[in-house]
């Protein structure tokens, strides 16, 4: 009786369970909408071919999210943080004062162009119509 030699299938130097574990760990690093998208589009972590397909798709998603450019707001915040390193505290305070003055001027212009002519009256003397319900104790 001869024994049949079993060769272990590998993908990227990893066995089936290792690829599954890697998929689970890397999938948790993705944002929730992308995780839901994977599930909705039939990417499963069960079955050798499905595991490999999921592994490759997670690679694609992680690579695409890594190459995304920062938003304009993030760039401004980063520039502000860098600029603050090279300014003294008096320069920073002077900038904030001038910014406050500009914001007030803009606010006044907006109020002039869009006056709030409607007066709102709130009567707190009357009790609320809604009453609280007492919870039944079980």
C-alpha atoms as a PDB file:
ATOM      1  CA  UNK A   1       0.000   0.000   0.000  1.00  0.00           C
ATOM      2  CA  UNK A   2       1.473   3.309  -1.054  1.00  0.00           C
ATOM      3  CA  UNK A   3       0.733   6.565   0.626  1.00  0.00           C
ATOM      4  CA  UNK A   4      -0.329   9.464  -1.502  1.00  0.00           C
ATOM      5  CA  UNK A   5       1.773  12.543  -0.840  1.00  0.00           C
ATOM      6  CA  UNK A   6      -0.395  15.586  -0.190  1.00  0.00           C
ATOM      7  CA  UNK A   7       0.993  18.893  -1.336  1.00  0.00           C
ATOM      8  CA  UNK A   8      -0.202  21.946   0.479  1.00  0.00           C
ATOM      9  CA  UNK A   9      -1.630  24.695  -1.727  1.00  0.00           C
ATOM     10  CA  UNK A  10      -0.067  28.070  -1.118  1.00  0.00           C
ATOM     11  CA  UNK A  11      -0.969  31.563  -2.165  1.00  0.00           C
ATOM     12  CA  UNK A  12       1.734  34.168  -1.714  1.00  0.00           C
ATOM     13  CA  UNK A  13       3.559  31.819   0.624  1.00  0.00           C
ATOM     14  CA  UNK A  14       0.504  31.465   2.858  1.00  0.00           C
ATOM     15  CA  UNK A  15      -1.788  28.542   3.441  1.00  0.00           C
ATOM     16  CA  UNK A  16      -5.576  28.658   3.340  1.00  0.00           C
ATOM     17  CA  UNK A  17      -6.075  29.573   7.011  1.00  0.00           C
ATOM     18  CA  UNK A  18      -3.332  32.196   6.891  1.00  0.00           C
ATOM     19  CA  UNK A  19      -4.941  33.900   3.890  1.00  0.00           C
ATOM     20  CA  UNK A  20      -8.316  33.812   5.666  1.00  0.00           C
ATOM     21  CA  UNK A  21      -6.821  35.377   8.788  1.00  0.00           C
ATOM     22  CA  UNK A  22      -5.061  38.013   6.689  1.00  0.00           C
ATOM     23  CA  UNK A  23      -8.337  38.823   4.904  1.00  0.00           C
ATOM     24  CA  UNK A  24     -10.183  39.226   8.196  1.00  0.00           C
ATOM     25  CA  UNK A  25      -7.527  41.523   9.656  1.00  0.00           C
ATOM     26  CA  UNK A  26      -7.161  43.661   6.536  1.00  0.00           C
ATOM     27  CA  UNK A  27     -10.915  43.878   5.928  1.00  0.00           C
ATOM     28  CA  UNK A  28     -11.340  45.407   9.399  1.00  0.00           C
ATOM     29  CA  UNK A  29      -8.946  48.200   8.336  1.00  0.00           C
ATOM     30  CA  UNK A  30     -11.308  49.245   5.530  1.00  0.00           C
ATOM     31  CA  UNK A  31     -14.053  51.822   6.084  1.00  0.00           C
ATOM     32  CA  UNK A  32     -17.508  50.390   6.860  1.00  0.00           C
ATOM     33  CA  UNK A  33     -19.043  51.279   3.457  1.00  0.00           C
ATOM     34  CA  UNK A  34     -16.295  49.350   1.664  1.00  0.00           C
ATOM     35  CA  UNK A  35     -16.753  46.377   4.003  1.00  0.00           C
ATOM     36  CA  UNK A  36     -20.473  46.359   3.202  1.00  0.00           C
ATOM     37  CA  UNK A  37     -19.719  46.679  -0.512  1.00  0.00           C
ATOM     38  CA  UNK A  38     -17.495  43.586  -0.376  1.00  0.00           C
ATOM     39  CA  UNK A  39     -20.247  41.589   1.289  1.00  0.00           C
ATOM     40  CA  UNK A  40     -22.934  42.850  -1.076  1.00  0.00           C
ATOM     41  CA  UNK A  41     -20.856  41.939  -4.128  1.00  0.00           C
ATOM     42  CA  UNK A  42     -20.248  38.353  -3.055  1.00  0.00           C
ATOM     43  CA  UNK A  43     -16.681  38.515  -1.775  1.00  0.00           C
ATOM     44  CA  UNK A  44     -16.471  35.703   0.772  1.00  0.00           C
ATOM     45  CA  UNK A  45     -13.767  34.430   3.051  1.00  0.00           C
ATOM     46  CA  UNK A  46     -14.775  30.813   2.529  1.00  0.00           C
ATOM     47  CA  UNK A  47     -13.539  28.529  -0.224  1.00  0.00           C
ATOM     48  CA  UNK A  48     -10.059  28.658  -1.717  1.00  0.00           C
ATOM     49  CA  UNK A  49     -10.978  30.616  -4.863  1.00  0.00           C
ATOM     50  CA  UNK A  50     -13.195  33.049  -2.937  1.00  0.00           C
ATOM     51  CA  UNK A  51     -10.461  33.645  -0.360  1.00  0.00           C
ATOM     52  CA  UNK A  52      -7.933  34.491  -3.083  1.00  0.00           C
ATOM     53  CA  UNK A  53     -10.422  36.758  -4.886  1.00  0.00           C
ATOM     54  CA  UNK A  54     -11.192  38.576  -1.618  1.00  0.00           C
ATOM     55  CA  UNK A  55      -7.475  38.943  -0.843  1.00  0.00           C
ATOM     56  CA  UNK A  56      -6.840  40.580  -4.213  1.00  0.00           C
ATOM     57  CA  UNK A  57      -9.846  42.898  -3.932  1.00  0.00           C
ATOM     58  CA  UNK A  58      -8.810  44.035  -0.436  1.00  0.00           C
ATOM     59  CA  UNK A  59      -5.356  44.797  -1.866  1.00  0.00           C
ATOM     60  CA  UNK A  60      -6.963  46.943  -4.565  1.00  0.00           C
ATOM     61  CA  UNK A  61      -9.143  48.805  -2.059  1.00  0.00           C
ATOM     62  CA  UNK A  62      -6.270  49.435   0.355  1.00  0.00           C
ATOM     63  CA  UNK A  63      -4.051  50.666  -2.480  1.00  0.00           C
ATOM     64  CA  UNK A  64      -6.724  53.044  -3.799  1.00  0.00           C
ATOM     65  CA  UNK A  65      -7.430  54.501  -0.348  1.00  0.00           C
ATOM     66  CA  UNK A  66      -3.700  55.031   0.270  1.00  0.00           C
ATOM     67  CA  UNK A  67      -3.322  57.125  -2.889  1.00  0.00           C
ATOM     68  CA  UNK A  68      -6.223  59.475  -2.122  1.00  0.00           C
ATOM     69  CA  UNK A  69      -5.171  63.091  -1.925  1.00  0.00           C
ATOM     70  CA  UNK A  70      -5.874  65.113   1.217  1.00  0.00           C
ATOM     71  CA  UNK A  71      -8.824  67.483   1.181  1.00  0.00           C
ATOM     72  CA  UNK A  72      -8.410  71.225   0.909  1.00  0.00           C
ATOM     73  CA  UNK A  73      -9.354  71.637   4.569  1.00  0.00           C
ATOM     74  CA  UNK A  74      -6.652  69.171   5.627  1.00  0.00           C
ATOM     75  CA  UNK A  75      -4.086  71.039   3.534  1.00  0.00           C
ATOM     76  CA  UNK A  76      -5.039  74.383   5.110  1.00  0.00           C
ATOM     77  CA  UNK A  77      -4.805  72.917   8.616  1.00  0.00           C
ATOM     78  CA  UNK A  78      -1.420  71.416   7.825  1.00  0.00           C
ATOM     79  CA  UNK A  79      -0.164  74.715   6.377  1.00  0.00           C
ATOM     80  CA  UNK A  80      -1.431  76.567   9.440  1.00  0.00           C
ATOM     81  CA  UNK A  81       0.373  74.169  11.760  1.00  0.00           C
ATOM     82  CA  UNK A  82       3.591  74.530   9.773  1.00  0.00           C
ATOM     83  CA  UNK A  83       3.270  78.331   9.667  1.00  0.00           C
ATOM     84  CA  UNK A  84       2.716  78.526  13.409  1.00  0.00           C
ATOM     85  CA  UNK A  85       6.093  76.883  14.029  1.00  0.00           C
ATOM     86  CA  UNK A  86       7.902  79.806  12.463  1.00  0.00           C
ATOM     87  CA  UNK A  87       5.901  82.641  14.025  1.00  0.00           C
ATOM     88  CA  UNK A  88       6.202  84.175  17.430  1.00  0.00           C
ATOM     89  CA  UNK A  89       3.224  84.231  19.761  1.00  0.00           C
ATOM     90  CA  UNK A  90       2.777  87.994  19.211  1.00  0.00           C
ATOM     91  CA  UNK A  91       2.604  87.495  15.426  1.00  0.00           C
ATOM     92  CA  UNK A  92       0.038  84.737  15.844  1.00  0.00           C
ATOM     93  CA  UNK A  93      -2.049  86.924  18.175  1.00  0.00           C
ATOM     94  CA  UNK A  94      -1.894  89.847  15.736  1.00  0.00           C
ATOM     95  CA  UNK A  95      -3.092  87.591  12.928  1.00  0.00           C
ATOM     96  CA  UNK A  96      -5.998  86.318  15.043  1.00  0.00           C
ATOM     97  CA  UNK A  97      -7.026  89.883  15.932  1.00  0.00           C
ATOM     98  CA  UNK A  98      -7.029  90.951  12.278  1.00  0.00           C
ATOM     99  CA  UNK A  99      -8.969  87.800  11.370  1.00  0.00           C
ATOM    100  CA  UNK A 100     -11.556  88.585  14.068  1.00  0.00           C
ATOM    101  CA  UNK A 101     -11.938  92.117  12.722  1.00  0.00           C
ATOM    102  CA  UNK A 102     -12.458  90.817   9.169  1.00  0.00           C
ATOM    103  CA  UNK A 103     -15.040  88.292  10.342  1.00  0.00           C
ATOM    104  CA  UNK A 104     -16.944  91.041  12.200  1.00  0.00           C
ATOM    105  CA  UNK A 105     -16.884  93.264   9.084  1.00  0.00           C
ATOM    106  CA  UNK A 106     -18.223  90.443   6.945  1.00  0.00           C
ATOM    107  CA  UNK A 107     -20.903  89.699   9.529  1.00  0.00           C
ATOM    108  CA  UNK A 108     -22.011  93.341   9.526  1.00  0.00           C
ATOM    109  CA  UNK A 109     -22.204  93.373   5.712  1.00  0.00           C
ATOM    110  CA  UNK A 110     -24.312  90.222   5.720  1.00  0.00           C
ATOM    111  CA  UNK A 111     -26.626  91.708   8.353  1.00  0.00           C
ATOM    112  CA  UNK A 112     -27.014  94.858   6.237  1.00  0.00           C
ATOM    113  CA  UNK A 113     -27.850  92.950   3.075  1.00  0.00           C
ATOM    114  CA  UNK A 114     -30.070  90.379   4.762  1.00  0.00           C
ATOM    115  CA  UNK A 115     -31.793  92.102   7.687  1.00  0.00           C
ATOM    116  CA  UNK A 116     -33.722  89.973  10.137  1.00  0.00           C
ATOM    117  CA  UNK A 117     -36.988  91.913  10.130  1.00  0.00           C
ATOM    118  CA  UNK A 118     -39.126  89.073  11.449  1.00  0.00           C
ATOM    119  CA  UNK A 119     -39.633  89.159  15.203  1.00  0.00           C
ATOM    120  CA  UNK A 120     -40.095  85.842  16.950  1.00  0.00           C
ATOM    121  CA  UNK A 121     -42.186  85.593  20.115  1.00  0.00           C
ATOM    122  CA  UNK A 122     -41.840  82.658  22.438  1.00  0.00           C
ATOM    123  CA  UNK A 123     -44.403  82.210  25.203  1.00  0.00           C
ATOM    124  CA  UNK A 124     -43.039  80.177  28.107  1.00  0.00           C
ATOM    125  CA  UNK A 125     -45.981  80.869  30.380  1.00  0.00           C
ATOM    126  CA  UNK A 126     -48.131  78.015  29.068  1.00  0.00           C
ATOM    127  CA  UNK A 127     -47.431  74.425  29.951  1.00  0.00           C
ATOM    128  CA  UNK A 128     -46.501  71.889  27.362  1.00  0.00           C
ATOM    129  CA  UNK A 129     -49.301  69.924  25.701  1.00  0.00           C
ATOM    130  CA  UNK A 130     -47.318  66.725  25.850  1.00  0.00           C
ATOM    131  CA  UNK A 131     -47.378  64.786  29.088  1.00  0.00           C
ATOM    132  CA  UNK A 132     -44.916  62.182  30.148  1.00  0.00           C
ATOM    133  CA  UNK A 133     -46.139  58.642  30.265  1.00  0.00           C
ATOM    134  CA  UNK A 134     -45.213  56.558  33.225  1.00  0.00           C
ATOM    135  CA  UNK A 135     -43.588  53.283  32.393  1.00  0.00           C
ATOM    136  CA  UNK A 136     -45.294  50.173  33.556  1.00  0.00           C
ATOM    137  CA  UNK A 137     -43.170  48.130  35.891  1.00  0.00           C
ATOM    138  CA  UNK A 138     -42.898  44.471  35.026  1.00  0.00           C
END
